[in-house]
Protein backbone atom coordinates (compact mmCIF):
# COMPACT_ATOMS: atom_id res chain seq x y z
CA MET A 1 -87.16 196.90 -18.22
CA ALA A 2 -84.70 197.02 -15.34
CA THR A 3 -84.63 194.14 -12.90
CA PRO A 4 -86.41 195.28 -9.75
CA SER A 5 -84.49 195.10 -6.51
CA LYS A 6 -85.88 192.69 -3.97
CA THR A 7 -86.57 193.52 -0.37
CA PRO A 8 -84.58 191.26 1.92
CA PRO A 9 -86.73 188.46 3.39
CA GLY A 10 -88.13 189.51 6.73
CA ALA A 11 -87.61 193.23 6.07
CA ASP A 12 -90.09 195.36 8.01
CA PRO A 13 -91.84 197.81 5.63
CA LYS A 14 -92.75 200.11 8.53
CA GLN A 15 -89.10 200.30 9.59
CA LEU A 16 -88.06 201.02 6.01
CA GLU A 17 -90.63 203.82 5.94
CA ARG A 18 -89.42 205.28 9.25
CA THR A 19 -85.84 205.42 7.97
CA GLY A 20 -86.92 207.11 4.73
CA THR A 21 -85.91 204.14 2.57
CA VAL A 22 -89.47 203.81 1.22
CA ARG A 23 -92.65 205.86 1.22
CA GLU A 24 -96.14 204.38 1.53
CA ILE A 25 -98.21 205.59 -1.44
CA GLY A 26 -101.27 203.35 -1.16
CA SER A 27 -103.35 206.20 0.21
CA GLN A 28 -102.95 207.97 -3.15
CA ALA A 29 -104.77 205.14 -4.93
CA VAL A 30 -108.33 203.92 -5.26
CA TRP A 31 -108.59 200.35 -3.95
CA SER A 32 -111.25 197.82 -4.96
CA LEU A 33 -111.80 194.11 -4.40
CA SER A 34 -113.36 191.45 -6.60
CA SER A 35 -115.49 190.45 -3.60
CA CYS A 36 -115.48 190.59 0.18
CA LYS A 37 -117.50 189.43 3.16
CA PRO A 38 -119.13 192.23 5.19
CA GLY A 39 -116.58 193.72 7.60
CA PHE A 40 -113.62 192.17 5.75
CA GLY A 41 -112.98 194.65 2.94
CA VAL A 42 -110.51 197.31 1.84
CA ASP A 43 -110.50 199.07 5.23
CA GLN A 44 -109.41 195.87 6.98
CA LEU A 45 -106.90 195.05 4.24
CA ARG A 46 -105.18 198.42 4.70
CA ASP A 47 -105.52 199.16 8.43
CA ASP A 48 -102.04 197.98 9.56
CA ASN A 49 -103.65 195.64 12.11
CA LEU A 50 -102.43 192.04 11.72
CA GLU A 51 -105.60 190.81 13.46
CA THR A 52 -107.88 192.13 10.68
CA TYR A 53 -107.83 191.08 7.05
CA TRP A 54 -109.62 190.94 3.70
CA GLN A 55 -111.81 187.89 3.21
CA SER A 56 -113.11 187.25 -0.28
CA ASP A 57 -116.63 186.04 -0.89
CA GLY A 58 -117.01 184.71 -4.38
CA SER A 59 -115.51 182.62 -7.11
CA GLN A 60 -111.85 182.83 -8.07
CA PRO A 61 -109.79 184.64 -9.11
CA HIS A 62 -109.79 186.92 -6.07
CA LEU A 63 -108.50 190.33 -7.08
CA VAL A 64 -107.19 193.43 -5.35
CA ASN A 65 -107.19 196.38 -7.75
CA ILE A 66 -105.07 199.42 -6.93
CA GLN A 67 -105.60 202.32 -9.32
CA PHE A 68 -103.61 205.53 -9.13
CA ARG A 69 -105.15 208.69 -10.51
CA ARG A 70 -102.04 209.39 -12.56
CA ARG A 71 -99.03 207.43 -13.75
CA THR A 72 -97.14 206.34 -10.63
CA THR A 73 -93.86 204.49 -10.21
CA VAL A 74 -94.12 201.66 -7.68
CA LYS A 75 -90.77 200.22 -6.65
CA MET A 76 -91.90 197.85 -3.90
CA LEU A 77 -95.06 195.97 -3.06
CA CYS A 78 -95.39 194.44 0.41
CA ILE A 79 -97.95 191.73 1.13
CA TYR A 80 -98.40 190.13 4.54
CA ALA A 81 -99.75 186.57 4.51
CA ASP A 82 -99.84 184.30 7.56
CA TYR A 83 -100.06 180.68 6.44
CA LYS A 84 -99.93 179.36 10.01
CA SER A 85 -102.95 181.45 11.02
CA ASP A 86 -105.23 180.31 8.22
CA GLU A 87 -103.82 178.19 5.44
CA SER A 88 -107.19 177.92 3.68
CA TYR A 89 -107.23 181.67 2.96
CA THR A 90 -103.54 182.15 2.26
CA PRO A 91 -102.98 182.59 -1.49
CA SER A 92 -100.93 179.96 -3.27
CA LYS A 93 -100.25 182.28 -6.23
CA ILE A 94 -99.90 186.04 -6.44
CA SER A 95 -99.75 187.82 -9.78
CA VAL A 96 -98.74 191.47 -10.08
CA ARG A 97 -100.02 193.19 -13.20
CA VAL A 98 -99.56 196.74 -14.44
CA GLY A 99 -101.09 198.83 -17.18
CA ASN A 100 -102.82 202.05 -18.14
CA ASN A 101 -106.29 200.60 -17.58
CA PHE A 102 -107.97 197.36 -16.56
CA HIS A 103 -108.06 196.06 -20.14
CA ASN A 104 -104.32 196.24 -20.92
CA LEU A 105 -102.78 194.77 -17.78
CA GLN A 106 -99.56 192.82 -18.24
CA GLU A 107 -98.15 190.45 -15.66
CA ILE A 108 -94.74 191.58 -14.41
CA ARG A 109 -94.28 189.25 -11.46
CA LYS A 110 -95.74 185.92 -10.37
CA VAL A 111 -95.05 184.37 -6.96
CA GLN A 112 -96.09 180.87 -5.93
């Protein structure tokens, strides 16, 4: 597997999209969450508003599942987390896993 290129720290994904460097493909996927509080689900996670967010409501691990209808190459994954706003809900670990179905996922990246 080739080593993925890293986005420079502080890079603005929206600016990269405007310049044609990247293309947002999340709308082509089916998104699901392991749990969420009412009014804090997938719509708020994906709405591009930094004032809204996903809030889990259950035991760990808290999962965001993104399933594409067909095999899709993903070159970049952008996650916005604001530790200063709410440290208790900011993840301490993020694991990125890929596979052909939920039962054969393999971790390809772990960030702490």
